[in-house]
Amino acid sequence: MSNQHFVFVDNEKYPWNKNTITAADIRQLAGVPEGVQVYLEVPGKPDQEVKPGDVIDLDKHKGPARFSTQSAGSQAG
């Protein structure tokens, strides 16, 4: 039995053959540059930022996990 998952990053579909995915994996898979934030879309709730070191368990999602990206704010401080 295959552990084939699919993840969406900014509505682009990517195959993924592991049960978990990290922020670094998402960046590499979708070519997301450093300095761009990655968010996990959570239905009915605010999107959740995926921070370095976070591990997303894809088996807990009904259907494919969906991620979005957003340029980091340029706030000094």
PDB file of N, CA and C in Angstrom:
ATOM      1  N   MET A   1       0.843  -1.190   0.000  1.00  0.00           N
ATOM      2  CA  MET A   1       0.000   0.000   0.000  1.00  0.00           C
ATOM      3  C   MET A   1       0.887   1.251   0.000  1.00  0.00           C
ATOM      4  N   SER A   2       0.594   2.154  -0.871  1.00  0.00           N
ATOM      5  CA  SER A   2       1.425   3.342  -1.052  1.00  0.00           C
ATOM      6  C   SER A   2       1.080   4.416  -0.028  1.00  0.00           C
ATOM      7  N   ASN A   3       2.080   5.157   0.382  1.00  0.00           N
ATOM      8  CA  ASN A   3       1.875   6.302   1.270  1.00  0.00           C
ATOM      9  C   ASN A   3       1.826   7.587   0.449  1.00  0.00           C
ATOM     10  N   GLN A   4       1.232   7.525  -0.728  1.00  0.00           N
ATOM     11  CA  GLN A   4       1.211   8.690  -1.604  1.00  0.00           C
ATOM     12  C   GLN A   4       0.245   9.743  -1.057  1.00  0.00           C
ATOM     13  N   HIS A   5       0.768  10.910  -0.857  1.00  0.00           N
ATOM     14  CA  HIS A   5      -0.029  12.060  -0.447  1.00  0.00           C
ATOM     15  C   HIS A   5       0.121  13.125  -1.513  1.00  0.00           C
ATOM     16  N   PHE A   6      -0.762  14.079  -1.480  1.00  0.00           N
ATOM     17  CA  PHE A   6      -0.611  15.266  -2.307  1.00  0.00           C
ATOM     18  C   PHE A   6      -0.716  16.473  -1.393  1.00  0.00           C
ATOM     19  N   VAL A   7       0.079  17.478  -1.677  1.00  0.00           N
ATOM     20  CA  VAL A   7      -0.028  18.742  -0.962  1.00  0.00           C
ATOM     21  C   VAL A   7      -0.206  19.838  -2.009  1.00  0.00           C
ATOM     22  N   PHE A   8      -0.890  20.874  -1.615  1.00  0.00           N
ATOM     23  CA  PHE A   8      -1.076  22.018  -2.487  1.00  0.00           C
ATOM     24  C   PHE A   8      -0.331  23.198  -1.874  1.00  0.00           C
ATOM     25  N   VAL A   9       0.440  23.887  -2.685  1.00  0.00           N
ATOM     26  CA  VAL A   9       1.125  25.108  -2.256  1.00  0.00           C
ATOM     27  C   VAL A   9       0.697  26.191  -3.243  1.00  0.00           C
ATOM     28  N   ASP A  10      -0.005  27.190  -2.750  1.00  0.00           N
ATOM     29  CA  ASP A  10      -0.561  28.245  -3.608  1.00  0.00           C
ATOM     30  C   ASP A  10      -1.327  27.650  -4.786  1.00  0.00           C
ATOM     31  N   ASN A  11      -2.151  26.644  -4.498  1.00  0.00           N
ATOM     32  CA  ASN A  11      -3.024  25.980  -5.467  1.00  0.00           C
ATOM     33  C   ASN A  11      -2.290  25.145  -6.515  1.00  0.00           C
ATOM     34  N   GLU A  12      -0.991  24.943  -6.362  1.00  0.00           N
ATOM     35  CA  GLU A  12      -0.242  24.021  -7.217  1.00  0.00           C
ATOM     36  C   GLU A  12      -0.171  22.676  -6.510  1.00  0.00           C
ATOM     37  N   LYS A  13      -0.454  21.591  -7.227  1.00  0.00           N
ATOM     38  CA  LYS A  13      -0.490  20.252  -6.633  1.00  0.00           C
ATOM     39  C   LYS A  13       0.877  19.580  -6.748  1.00  0.00           C
ATOM     40  N   TYR A  14       1.343  19.012  -5.641  1.00  0.00           N
ATOM     41  CA  TYR A  14       2.631  18.319  -5.600  1.00  0.00           C
ATOM     42  C   TYR A  14       2.446  16.945  -4.964  1.00  0.00           C
ATOM     43  N   PRO A  15       2.995  15.888  -5.582  1.00  0.00           N
ATOM     44  CA  PRO A  15       2.964  14.576  -4.935  1.00  0.00           C
ATOM     45  C   PRO A  15       3.986  14.521  -3.809  1.00  0.00           C
ATOM     46  N   TRP A  16       3.668  13.779  -2.756  1.00  0.00           N
ATOM     47  CA  TRP A  16       4.570  13.638  -1.602  1.00  0.00           C
ATOM     48  C   TRP A  16       4.412  12.225  -1.071  1.00  0.00           C
ATOM     49  N   ASN A  17       5.506  11.501  -0.894  1.00  0.00           N
ATOM     50  CA  ASN A  17       5.404  10.079  -0.547  1.00  0.00           C
ATOM     51  C   ASN A  17       5.734   9.763   0.909  1.00  0.00           C
ATOM     52  N   LYS A  18       5.616  10.745   1.779  1.00  0.00           N
ATOM     53  CA  LYS A  18       5.820  10.524   3.212  1.00  0.00           C
ATOM     54  C   LYS A  18       4.560  10.934   3.958  1.00  0.00           C
ATOM     55  N   ASN A  19       4.445  10.484   5.208  1.00  0.00           N
ATOM     56  CA  ASN A  19       3.270  10.813   6.022  1.00  0.00           C
ATOM     57  C   ASN A  19       3.384  12.167   6.702  1.00  0.00           C
ATOM     58  N   THR A  20       4.591  12.727   6.714  1.00  0.00           N
ATOM     59  CA  THR A  20       4.800  14.031   7.342  1.00  0.00           C
ATOM     60  C   THR A  20       5.540  14.937   6.367  1.00  0.00           C
ATOM     61  N   ILE A  21       5.413  16.234   6.585  1.00  0.00           N
ATOM     62  CA  ILE A  21       6.137  17.210   5.769  1.00  0.00           C
ATOM     63  C   ILE A  21       6.543  18.367   6.681  1.00  0.00           C
ATOM     64  N   THR A  22       7.705  18.936   6.437  1.00  0.00           N
ATOM     65  CA  THR A  22       8.212  20.049   7.241  1.00  0.00           C
ATOM     66  C   THR A  22       8.205  21.328   6.412  1.00  0.00           C
ATOM     67  N   ALA A  23       8.417  22.442   7.075  1.00  0.00           N
ATOM     68  CA  ALA A  23       8.511  23.720   6.368  1.00  0.00           C
ATOM     69  C   ALA A  23       9.626  23.671   5.329  1.00  0.00           C
ATOM     70  N   ALA A  24      10.752  23.070   5.691  1.00  0.00           N
ATOM     71  CA  ALA A  24      11.873  22.962   4.749  1.00  0.00           C
ATOM     72  C   ALA A  24      11.490  22.115   3.538  1.00  0.00           C
ATOM     73  N   ASP A  25      10.735  21.024   3.778  1.00  0.00           N
ATOM     74  CA  ASP A  25      10.275  20.186   2.669  1.00  0.00           C
ATOM     75  C   ASP A  25       9.387  20.982   1.722  1.00  0.00           C
ATOM     76  N   ILE A  26       8.463  21.761   2.292  1.00  0.00           N
ATOM     77  CA  ILE A  26       7.538  22.557   1.479  1.00  0.00           C
ATOM     78  C   ILE A  26       8.313  23.565   0.646  1.00  0.00           C
ATOM     79  N   ARG A  27       9.286  24.219   1.284  1.00  0.00           N
ATOM     80  CA  ARG A  27      10.107  25.202   0.555  1.00  0.00           C
ATOM     81  C   ARG A  27      10.830  24.558  -0.617  1.00  0.00           C
ATOM     82  N   GLN A  28      11.423  23.392  -0.376  1.00  0.00           N
ATOM     83  CA  GLN A  28      12.166  22.713  -1.427  1.00  0.00           C
ATOM     84  C   GLN A  28      11.228  22.221  -2.531  1.00  0.00           C
ATOM     85  N   LEU A  29      10.115  21.620  -2.134  1.00  0.00           N
ATOM     86  CA  LEU A  29       9.169  21.047  -3.076  1.00  0.00           C
ATOM     87  C   LEU A  29       8.596  22.105  -4.018  1.00  0.00           C
ATOM     88  N   ALA A  30       8.208  23.231  -3.459  1.00  0.00           N
ATOM     89  CA  ALA A  30       7.522  24.260  -4.239  1.00  0.00           C
ATOM     90  C   ALA A  30       8.424  25.425  -4.632  1.00  0.00           C
ATOM     91  N   GLY A  31       9.700  25.353  -4.261  1.00  0.00           N
ATOM     92  CA  GLY A  31      10.626  26.434  -4.615  1.00  0.00           C
ATOM     93  C   GLY A  31      10.306  27.737  -3.903  1.00  0.00           C
ATOM     94  N   VAL A  32       9.887  27.638  -2.642  1.00  0.00           N
ATOM     95  CA  VAL A  32       9.547  28.831  -1.867  1.00  0.00           C
ATOM     96  C   VAL A  32      10.834  29.430  -1.308  1.00  0.00           C
ATOM     97  N   PRO A  33      11.134  30.686  -1.639  1.00  0.00           N
ATOM     98  CA  PRO A  33      12.390  31.285  -1.158  1.00  0.00           C
ATOM     99  C   PRO A  33      12.353  31.599   0.330  1.00  0.00           C
ATOM    100  N   GLU A  34      13.524  31.689   0.914  1.00  0.00           N
ATOM    101  CA  GLU A  34      13.625  32.139   2.302  1.00  0.00           C
ATOM    102  C   GLU A  34      13.056  33.554   2.371  1.00  0.00           C
ATOM    103  N   GLY A  35      12.512  33.912   3.514  1.00  0.00           N
ATOM    104  CA  GLY A  35      11.922  35.235   3.661  1.00  0.00           C
ATOM    105  C   GLY A  35      10.449  35.261   3.274  1.00  0.00           C
ATOM    106  N   VAL A  36       9.955  34.147   2.737  1.00  0.00           N
ATOM    107  CA  VAL A  36       8.531  34.024   2.426  1.00  0.00           C
ATOM    108  C   VAL A  36       7.931  33.060   3.444  1.00  0.00           C
ATOM    109  N   GLN A  37       6.859  33.470   4.089  1.00  0.00           N
ATOM    110  CA  GLN A  37       6.241  32.649   5.127  1.00  0.00           C
ATOM    111  C   GLN A  37       5.321  31.614   4.493  1.00  0.00           C
ATOM    112  N   VAL A  38       5.256  30.437   5.126  1.00  0.00           N
ATOM    113  CA  VAL A  38       4.391  29.354   4.672  1.00  0.00           C
ATOM    114  C   VAL A  38       3.287  29.176   5.706  1.00  0.00           C
ATOM    115  N   TYR A  39       2.058  29.040   5.231  1.00  0.00           N
ATOM    116  CA  TYR A  39       0.906  28.871   6.112  1.00  0.00           C
ATOM    117  C   TYR A  39       0.145  27.609   5.745  1.00  0.00           C
ATOM    118  N   LEU A  40      -0.310  26.894   6.761  1.00  0.00           N
ATOM    119  CA  LEU A  40      -1.198  25.761   6.590  1.00  0.00           C
ATOM    120  C   LEU A  40      -2.624  26.285   6.637  1.00  0.00           C
ATOM    121  N   GLU A  41      -3.397  25.989   5.596  1.00  0.00           N
ATOM    122  CA  GLU A  41      -4.783  26.424   5.563  1.00  0.00           C
ATOM    123  C   GLU A  41      -5.617  25.494   6.447  1.00  0.00           C
ATOM    124  N   VAL A  42      -6.327  26.084   7.403  1.00  0.00           N
ATOM    125  CA  VAL A  42      -7.148  25.331   8.348  1.00  0.00           C
ATOM    126  C   VAL A  42      -8.599  25.742   8.125  1.00  0.00           C
ATOM    127  N   PRO A  43      -9.442  24.844   7.591  1.00  0.00           N
ATOM    128  CA  PRO A  43     -10.831  25.218   7.308  1.00  0.00           C
ATOM    129  C   PRO A  43     -11.545  25.737   8.552  1.00  0.00           C
ATOM    130  N   GLY A  44     -12.188  26.884   8.398  1.00  0.00           N
ATOM    131  CA  GLY A  44     -12.967  27.453   9.491  1.00  0.00           C
ATOM    132  C   GLY A  44     -12.152  28.174  10.540  1.00  0.00           C
ATOM    133  N   LYS A  45     -10.831  28.228  10.367  1.00  0.00           N
ATOM    134  CA  LYS A  45      -9.958  28.884  11.344  1.00  0.00           C
ATOM    135  C   LYS A  45      -8.924  29.719  10.593  1.00  0.00           C
ATOM    136  N   PRO A  46      -8.239  30.626  11.303  1.00  0.00           N
ATOM    137  CA  PRO A  46      -7.160  31.365  10.645  1.00  0.00           C
ATOM    138  C   PRO A  46      -6.054  30.408  10.196  1.00  0.00           C
ATOM    139  N   ASP A  47      -5.411  30.748   9.071  1.00  0.00           N
ATOM    140  CA  ASP A  47      -4.291  29.934   8.608  1.00  0.00           C
ATOM    141  C   ASP A  47      -3.205  29.912   9.673  1.00  0.00           C
ATOM    142  N   GLN A  48      -2.513  28.791   9.763  1.00  0.00           N
ATOM    143  CA  GLN A  48      -1.496  28.569  10.789  1.00  0.00           C
ATOM    144  C   GLN A  48      -0.115  28.645  10.142  1.00  0.00           C
ATOM    145  N   GLU A  49       0.747  29.522  10.665  1.00  0.00           N
ATOM    146  CA  GLU A  49       2.090  29.639  10.105  1.00  0.00           C
ATOM    147  C   GLU A  49       2.872  28.348  10.363  1.00  0.00           C
ATOM    148  N   VAL A  50       3.563  27.885   9.333  1.00  0.00           N
ATOM    149  CA  VAL A  50       4.432  26.716   9.462  1.00  0.00           C
ATOM    150  C   VAL A  50       5.834  27.258   9.688  1.00  0.00           C
ATOM    151  N   LYS A  51       6.355  27.042  10.883  1.00  0.00           N
ATOM    152  CA  LYS A  51       7.655  27.600  11.262  1.00  0.00           C
ATOM    153  C   LYS A  51       8.739  26.553  11.072  1.00  0.00           C
ATOM    154  N   PRO A  52       9.995  26.994  10.960  1.00  0.00           N
ATOM    155  CA  PRO A  52      11.093  26.023  10.842  1.00  0.00           C
ATOM    156  C   PRO A  52      11.036  25.041  12.007  1.00  0.00           C
ATOM    157  N   GLY A  53      11.155  23.778  11.699  1.00  0.00           N
ATOM    158  CA  GLY A  53      11.103  22.747  12.726  1.00  0.00           C
ATOM    159  C   GLY A  53       9.730  22.136  12.914  1.00  0.00           C
ATOM    160  N   ASP A  54       8.679  22.801  12.407  1.00  0.00           N
ATOM    161  CA  ASP A  54       7.334  22.229  12.507  1.00  0.00           C
ATOM    162  C   ASP A  54       7.228  21.003  11.606  1.00  0.00           C
ATOM    163  N   VAL A  55       6.504  19.998  12.075  1.00  0.00           N
ATOM    164  CA  VAL A  55       6.249  18.795  11.290  1.00  0.00           C
ATOM    165  C   VAL A  55       4.741  18.644  11.157  1.00  0.00           C
ATOM    166  N   ILE A  56       4.257  18.603   9.935  1.00  0.00           N
ATOM    167  CA  ILE A  56       2.828  18.462   9.664  1.00  0.00           C
ATOM    168  C   ILE A  56       2.538  16.990   9.395  1.00  0.00           C
ATOM    169  N   ASP A  57       1.610  16.416  10.150  1.00  0.00           N
ATOM    170  CA  ASP A  57       1.206  15.023   9.967  1.00  0.00           C
ATOM    171  C   ASP A  57       0.099  14.990   8.913  1.00  0.00           C
ATOM    172  N   LEU A  58       0.434  14.528   7.717  1.00  0.00           N
ATOM    173  CA  LEU A  58      -0.523  14.541   6.611  1.00  0.00           C
ATOM    174  C   LEU A  58      -1.655  13.541   6.799  1.00  0.00           C
ATOM    175  N   ASP A  59      -1.448  12.524   7.621  1.00  0.00           N
ATOM    176  CA  ASP A  59      -2.500  11.542   7.858  1.00  0.00           C
ATOM    177  C   ASP A  59      -3.664  12.131   8.655  1.00  0.00           C
ATOM    178  N   LYS A  60      -3.441  13.244   9.335  1.00  0.00           N
ATOM    179  CA  LYS A  60      -4.501  13.859  10.135  1.00  0.00           C
ATOM    180  C   LYS A  60      -5.427  14.724   9.286  1.00  0.00           C
ATOM    181  N   HIS A  61      -5.055  14.976   8.033  1.00  0.00           N
ATOM    182  CA  HIS A  61      -5.860  15.831   7.161  1.00  0.00           C
ATOM    183  C   HIS A  61      -6.854  14.997   6.382  1.00  0.00           C
ATOM    184  N   LYS A  62      -8.062  15.505   6.283  1.00  0.00           N
ATOM    185  CA  LYS A  62      -9.040  14.879   5.398  1.00  0.00           C
ATOM    186  C   LYS A  62      -8.800  15.497   4.027  1.00  0.00           C
ATOM    187  N   GLY A  63      -8.276  14.692   3.119  1.00  0.00           N
ATOM    188  CA  GLY A  63      -7.907  15.229   1.817  1.00  0.00           C
ATOM    189  C   GLY A  63      -6.513  15.821   1.878  1.00  0.00           C
ATOM    190  N   PRO A  64      -6.082  16.412   0.784  1.00  0.00           N
ATOM    191  CA  PRO A  64      -4.709  16.943   0.736  1.00  0.00           C
ATOM    192  C   PRO A  64      -4.539  18.171   1.631  1.00  0.00           C
ATOM    193  N   ALA A  65      -3.336  18.306   2.195  1.00  0.00           N
ATOM    194  CA  ALA A  65      -3.013  19.502   2.973  1.00  0.00           C
ATOM    195  C   ALA A  65      -2.813  20.658   2.004  1.00  0.00           C
ATOM    196  N   ARG A  66      -3.291  21.809   2.394  1.00  0.00           N
ATOM    197  CA  ARG A  66      -3.164  22.994   1.540  1.00  0.00           C
ATOM    198  C   ARG A  66      -2.351  24.051   2.283  1.00  0.00           C
ATOM    199  N   PHE A  67      -1.366  24.577   1.556  1.00  0.00           N
ATOM    200  CA  PHE A  67      -0.483  25.596   2.106  1.00  0.00           C
ATOM    201  C   PHE A  67      -0.536  26.834   1.224  1.00  0.00           C
ATOM    202  N   SER A  68      -0.296  27.967   1.829  1.00  0.00           N
ATOM    203  CA  SER A  68      -0.187  29.203   1.065  1.00  0.00           C
ATOM    204  C   SER A  68       1.083  29.917   1.510  1.00  0.00           C
ATOM    205  N   THR A  69       1.542  30.817   0.673  1.00  0.00           N
ATOM    206  CA  THR A  69       2.753  31.571   1.012  1.00  0.00           C
ATOM    207  C   THR A  69       2.434  33.058   1.012  1.00  0.00           C
ATOM    208  N   GLN A  70       3.228  33.771   1.783  1.00  0.00           N
ATOM    209  CA  GLN A  70       3.051  35.211   1.877  1.00  0.00           C
ATOM    210  C   GLN A  70       4.396  35.826   2.191  1.00  0.00           C
ATOM    211  N   SER A  71       4.730  36.897   1.496  1.00  0.00           N
ATOM    212  CA  SER A  71       5.979  37.594   1.775  1.00  0.00           C
ATOM    213  C   SER A  71       5.977  38.104   3.203  1.00  0.00           C
ATOM    214  N   ALA A  72       7.098  37.937   3.876  1.00  0.00           N
ATOM    215  CA  ALA A  72       7.212  38.407   5.250  1.00  0.00           C
ATOM    216  C   ALA A  72       7.080  39.917   5.281  1.00  0.00           C
ATOM    217  N   GLY A  73       6.448  40.419   6.318  1.00  0.00           N
ATOM    218  CA  GLY A  73       6.300  41.863   6.477  1.00  0.00           C
ATOM    219  C   GLY A  73       7.661  42.503   6.687  1.00  0.00           C
ATOM    220  N   SER A  74       7.799  43.745   6.285  1.00  0.00           N
ATOM    221  CA  SER A  74       9.090  44.433   6.416  1.00  0.00           C
ATOM    222  C   SER A  74       9.058  45.373   7.601  1.00  0.00           C
ATOM    223  N   GLN A  75       8.610  44.855   8.723  1.00  0.00           N
ATOM    224  CA  GLN A  75       8.532  45.695   9.918  1.00  0.00           C
ATOM    225  C   GLN A  75       9.862  45.657  10.653  1.00  0.00           C
ATOM    226  N   ALA A  76      10.388  46.813  10.919  1.00  0.00           N
ATOM    227  CA  ALA A  76      11.644  46.902  11.666  1.00  0.00           C
ATOM    228  C   ALA A  76      11.365  46.723  13.144  1.00  0.00           C
ATOM    229  N   GLY A  77      12.374  46.239  13.853  1.00  0.00           N
ATOM    230  CA  GLY A  77      12.154  46.202  15.283  1.00  0.00           C
ATOM    231  C   GLY A  77      12.715  45.016  15.870  1.00  0.00           C
TER     232      GLY A  77
END
